Amino acid sequence: MKTVQKYVIPTDGQWHVLELSGAIVHAEMDSASEFAVWAEVPAMVETFPTSFCAFMTDDMIPDGTTYRWTARWATTSPAWHLYEQDAAGGGS
């Protein structure tokens, strides 16, 4: 058994830790300042901390990160790109 849970990541240029236990299955802008992701959450499985940061197009993306998703709030708004901090601690 599993569920799908929603997590919100502010688009503030800071790293945010989510306690995940499954894969991201969808992402979109929840508002002009929040990136929302939905992840599968298997029942009775331990979570693991995962750090994410949303970057705008043309922002400098640090090394030690992995691309996960792109979304826009409206067709005239800038695109935001969600990156995950690699387990080795990069991306700071």
N, C-alpha and C. Protein backbone atom coordinates (compact mmCIF):
# COMPACT_ATOMS: atom_id res chain seq x y z
N MET A 1 0.86 -1.18 0.00
CA MET A 1 0.00 0.00 0.00
C MET A 1 0.90 1.24 0.00
N LYS A 2 0.37 2.30 -0.61
CA LYS A 2 1.08 3.57 -0.63
C LYS A 2 0.08 4.70 -0.79
N THR A 3 0.54 5.91 -0.52
CA THR A 3 -0.26 7.11 -0.73
C THR A 3 0.57 8.08 -1.56
N VAL A 4 -0.04 9.17 -1.96
CA VAL A 4 0.69 10.27 -2.59
C VAL A 4 0.54 11.46 -1.67
N GLN A 5 1.68 12.07 -1.31
CA GLN A 5 1.70 13.21 -0.41
C GLN A 5 2.23 14.44 -1.13
N LYS A 6 1.73 15.61 -0.72
CA LYS A 6 2.16 16.88 -1.29
C LYS A 6 3.16 17.55 -0.35
N TYR A 7 4.21 18.12 -0.94
CA TYR A 7 5.22 18.88 -0.20
C TYR A 7 5.40 20.21 -0.90
N VAL A 8 5.66 21.28 -0.13
CA VAL A 8 5.82 22.62 -0.70
C VAL A 8 7.23 23.12 -0.43
N ILE A 9 7.84 23.68 -1.47
CA ILE A 9 9.19 24.23 -1.38
C ILE A 9 9.11 25.70 -1.78
N PRO A 10 9.41 26.63 -0.87
CA PRO A 10 9.41 28.05 -1.23
C PRO A 10 10.46 28.35 -2.30
N THR A 11 10.18 29.31 -3.16
CA THR A 11 11.13 29.73 -4.20
C THR A 11 11.95 30.90 -3.66
N ASP A 12 12.65 30.67 -2.56
CA ASP A 12 13.40 31.72 -1.89
C ASP A 12 14.91 31.59 -2.03
N GLY A 13 15.37 30.66 -2.87
CA GLY A 13 16.81 30.49 -3.07
C GLY A 13 17.51 29.75 -1.96
N GLN A 14 16.76 29.21 -1.00
CA GLN A 14 17.33 28.48 0.13
C GLN A 14 17.07 26.98 -0.05
N TRP A 15 17.90 26.16 0.59
CA TRP A 15 17.70 24.71 0.58
C TRP A 15 16.65 24.36 1.62
N HIS A 16 15.73 23.46 1.27
CA HIS A 16 14.66 23.02 2.15
C HIS A 16 14.68 21.50 2.23
N VAL A 17 14.63 20.98 3.46
CA VAL A 17 14.70 19.54 3.68
C VAL A 17 13.30 18.97 3.75
N LEU A 18 13.05 17.95 2.93
CA LEU A 18 11.80 17.19 2.97
C LEU A 18 12.11 15.79 3.45
N GLU A 19 11.22 15.23 4.23
CA GLU A 19 11.36 13.84 4.69
C GLU A 19 10.60 12.96 3.69
N LEU A 20 11.32 12.42 2.72
CA LEU A 20 10.71 11.60 1.68
C LEU A 20 10.94 10.12 1.93
N SER A 21 10.05 9.31 1.38
CA SER A 21 10.25 7.87 1.42
C SER A 21 9.95 7.24 0.06
N GLY A 22 9.71 8.07 -0.93
CA GLY A 22 9.40 7.57 -2.26
C GLY A 22 9.76 8.59 -3.32
N ALA A 23 9.44 8.25 -4.56
CA ALA A 23 9.82 9.07 -5.70
C ALA A 23 8.83 10.21 -5.94
N ILE A 24 9.36 11.35 -6.43
CA ILE A 24 8.51 12.44 -6.86
C ILE A 24 7.80 12.01 -8.14
N VAL A 25 6.48 12.18 -8.16
CA VAL A 25 5.69 11.77 -9.32
C VAL A 25 5.12 12.95 -10.10
N HIS A 26 5.10 14.13 -9.49
CA HIS A 26 4.59 15.32 -10.18
C HIS A 26 5.07 16.56 -9.44
N ALA A 27 5.20 17.66 -10.18
CA ALA A 27 5.55 18.96 -9.58
C ALA A 27 4.93 20.07 -10.40
N GLU A 28 4.58 21.15 -9.73
CA GLU A 28 4.05 22.34 -10.39
C GLU A 28 4.16 23.51 -9.41
N MET A 29 3.96 24.71 -9.93
CA MET A 29 3.96 25.88 -9.07
C MET A 29 2.61 25.92 -8.34
N ASP A 30 2.66 26.02 -7.01
CA ASP A 30 1.46 26.09 -6.19
C ASP A 30 0.99 27.54 -6.07
N SER A 31 1.94 28.45 -6.20
CA SER A 31 1.68 29.89 -6.22
C SER A 31 2.89 30.52 -6.89
N ALA A 32 2.93 31.82 -6.98
CA ALA A 32 4.08 32.48 -7.59
C ALA A 32 5.35 32.30 -6.77
N SER A 33 5.21 31.88 -5.50
CA SER A 33 6.38 31.77 -4.63
C SER A 33 6.54 30.39 -3.99
N GLU A 34 5.82 29.39 -4.51
CA GLU A 34 5.92 28.04 -3.93
C GLU A 34 5.90 26.98 -5.02
N PHE A 35 6.89 26.10 -4.95
CA PHE A 35 7.01 24.96 -5.85
C PHE A 35 6.43 23.77 -5.09
N ALA A 36 5.43 23.12 -5.64
CA ALA A 36 4.81 21.96 -4.97
C ALA A 36 5.23 20.68 -5.67
N VAL A 37 5.53 19.66 -4.88
CA VAL A 37 5.85 18.34 -5.42
C VAL A 37 4.97 17.30 -4.76
N TRP A 38 4.63 16.28 -5.52
CA TRP A 38 3.87 15.15 -5.00
C TRP A 38 4.77 13.93 -5.11
N ALA A 39 4.81 13.15 -4.04
CA ALA A 39 5.67 11.97 -4.01
C ALA A 39 4.87 10.76 -3.53
N GLU A 40 5.20 9.61 -4.10
CA GLU A 40 4.62 8.37 -3.60
C GLU A 40 5.24 8.05 -2.25
N VAL A 41 4.41 7.66 -1.32
CA VAL A 41 4.86 7.34 0.03
C VAL A 41 4.40 5.92 0.37
N PRO A 42 5.31 4.95 0.30
CA PRO A 42 4.93 3.59 0.67
C PRO A 42 4.56 3.52 2.15
N ALA A 43 3.57 2.69 2.48
CA ALA A 43 3.15 2.53 3.88
C ALA A 43 4.25 1.90 4.69
N MET A 44 4.42 2.42 5.90
CA MET A 44 5.35 1.86 6.89
C MET A 44 6.78 1.73 6.37
N VAL A 45 7.25 2.77 5.67
CA VAL A 45 8.63 2.80 5.19
C VAL A 45 9.30 4.01 5.82
N GLU A 46 10.52 3.85 6.26
CA GLU A 46 11.26 4.94 6.89
C GLU A 46 11.52 6.06 5.89
N THR A 47 11.38 7.30 6.34
CA THR A 47 11.66 8.45 5.49
C THR A 47 13.15 8.78 5.53
N PHE A 48 13.59 9.58 4.57
CA PHE A 48 14.97 10.02 4.54
C PHE A 48 14.99 11.50 4.17
N PRO A 49 15.84 12.30 4.84
CA PRO A 49 15.89 13.73 4.55
C PRO A 49 16.51 14.00 3.18
N THR A 50 15.85 14.83 2.40
CA THR A 50 16.33 15.19 1.07
C THR A 50 16.19 16.70 0.92
N SER A 51 17.26 17.36 0.51
CA SER A 51 17.27 18.82 0.38
C SER A 51 16.98 19.23 -1.06
N PHE A 52 16.08 20.23 -1.20
CA PHE A 52 15.70 20.76 -2.50
C PHE A 52 15.80 22.27 -2.50
N CYS A 53 16.08 22.82 -3.69
CA CYS A 53 16.09 24.26 -3.88
C CYS A 53 15.54 24.56 -5.26
N ALA A 54 14.74 25.61 -5.37
CA ALA A 54 14.20 26.05 -6.66
C ALA A 54 15.03 27.22 -7.17
N PHE A 55 15.48 27.11 -8.41
CA PHE A 55 16.28 28.15 -9.05
C PHE A 55 15.52 28.68 -10.27
N MET A 56 15.62 29.99 -10.49
CA MET A 56 15.03 30.58 -11.69
C MET A 56 15.95 30.35 -12.89
N THR A 57 15.39 30.43 -14.08
CA THR A 57 16.20 30.39 -15.29
C THR A 57 17.27 31.47 -15.19
N ASP A 58 18.47 31.14 -15.58
CA ASP A 58 19.66 32.02 -15.56
C ASP A 58 20.32 32.13 -14.19
N ASP A 59 19.73 31.54 -13.12
CA ASP A 59 20.42 31.50 -11.83
C ASP A 59 21.63 30.58 -11.95
N MET A 60 22.62 30.82 -11.13
CA MET A 60 23.77 29.93 -11.06
C MET A 60 23.38 28.71 -10.22
N ILE A 61 23.55 27.52 -10.78
CA ILE A 61 23.21 26.26 -10.09
C ILE A 61 24.51 25.68 -9.54
N PRO A 62 24.59 25.43 -8.24
CA PRO A 62 25.84 24.91 -7.67
C PRO A 62 26.12 23.48 -8.12
N ASP A 63 27.39 23.13 -8.11
CA ASP A 63 27.79 21.74 -8.34
C ASP A 63 27.24 20.88 -7.20
N GLY A 64 27.18 19.59 -7.42
CA GLY A 64 26.70 18.68 -6.38
C GLY A 64 25.19 18.65 -6.27
N THR A 65 24.52 18.94 -7.39
CA THR A 65 23.06 18.93 -7.41
C THR A 65 22.56 18.11 -8.59
N THR A 66 21.30 17.69 -8.51
CA THR A 66 20.68 16.90 -9.58
C THR A 66 19.34 17.54 -9.94
N TYR A 67 19.13 17.77 -11.23
CA TYR A 67 17.89 18.35 -11.73
C TYR A 67 16.73 17.39 -11.49
N ARG A 68 15.54 17.95 -11.07
CA ARG A 68 14.36 17.12 -10.83
C ARG A 68 13.13 17.56 -11.62
N TRP A 69 12.88 18.87 -11.81
CA TRP A 69 11.63 19.30 -12.44
C TRP A 69 11.70 20.77 -12.81
N THR A 70 10.87 21.19 -13.79
CA THR A 70 10.72 22.60 -14.15
C THR A 70 9.23 22.93 -14.14
N ALA A 71 8.88 24.13 -13.67
CA ALA A 71 7.48 24.56 -13.65
C ALA A 71 7.41 26.08 -13.74
N ARG A 72 6.22 26.57 -14.15
CA ARG A 72 5.94 28.00 -14.20
C ARG A 72 4.59 28.25 -13.57
N TRP A 73 4.44 29.42 -12.93
CA TRP A 73 3.17 29.79 -12.31
C TRP A 73 2.17 30.23 -13.38
N ALA A 74 2.62 30.97 -14.36
CA ALA A 74 1.78 31.44 -15.47
C ALA A 74 2.65 31.53 -16.71
N THR A 75 2.03 31.58 -17.86
CA THR A 75 2.81 31.59 -19.10
C THR A 75 3.71 32.81 -19.22
N THR A 76 3.41 33.87 -18.51
CA THR A 76 4.25 35.07 -18.56
C THR A 76 5.24 35.15 -17.41
N SER A 77 5.23 34.18 -16.52
CA SER A 77 6.14 34.21 -15.37
C SER A 77 7.42 33.43 -15.68
N PRO A 78 8.48 33.70 -14.91
CA PRO A 78 9.72 32.96 -15.14
C PRO A 78 9.57 31.49 -14.77
N ALA A 79 10.38 30.66 -15.38
CA ALA A 79 10.39 29.24 -15.04
C ALA A 79 11.26 29.02 -13.82
N TRP A 80 10.84 28.08 -12.99
CA TRP A 80 11.61 27.65 -11.81
C TRP A 80 12.05 26.21 -12.05
N HIS A 81 13.27 25.90 -11.61
CA HIS A 81 13.86 24.58 -11.83
C HIS A 81 14.22 23.99 -10.46
N LEU A 82 13.68 22.84 -10.18
CA LEU A 82 13.89 22.19 -8.89
C LEU A 82 15.12 21.29 -8.95
N TYR A 83 16.03 21.50 -7.99
CA TYR A 83 17.24 20.70 -7.89
C TYR A 83 17.31 20.03 -6.52
N GLU A 84 17.85 18.84 -6.53
CA GLU A 84 18.08 18.07 -5.30
C GLU A 84 19.57 18.13 -4.96
N GLN A 85 19.85 18.33 -3.69
CA GLN A 85 21.24 18.34 -3.23
C GLN A 85 21.73 16.90 -3.18
N ASP A 86 22.86 16.62 -3.81
CA ASP A 86 23.40 15.26 -3.82
C ASP A 86 23.76 14.80 -2.43
N ALA A 87 23.71 13.50 -2.21
CA ALA A 87 23.95 12.91 -0.89
C ALA A 87 25.32 13.26 -0.34
N ALA A 88 26.29 13.53 -1.20
CA ALA A 88 27.64 13.85 -0.75
C ALA A 88 27.72 15.24 -0.12
N GLY A 89 26.59 15.97 -0.12
CA GLY A 89 26.58 17.27 0.55
C GLY A 89 26.91 18.43 -0.35
N GLY A 90 26.88 18.23 -1.66
CA GLY A 90 27.12 19.32 -2.59
C GLY A 90 25.96 20.29 -2.59
N GLY A 91 26.07 21.29 -3.43
CA GLY A 91 24.99 22.23 -3.63
C GLY A 91 24.85 23.31 -2.59
N SER A 92 25.85 23.51 -1.77
CA SER A 92 25.72 24.56 -0.77
C SER A 92 26.35 25.85 -1.23
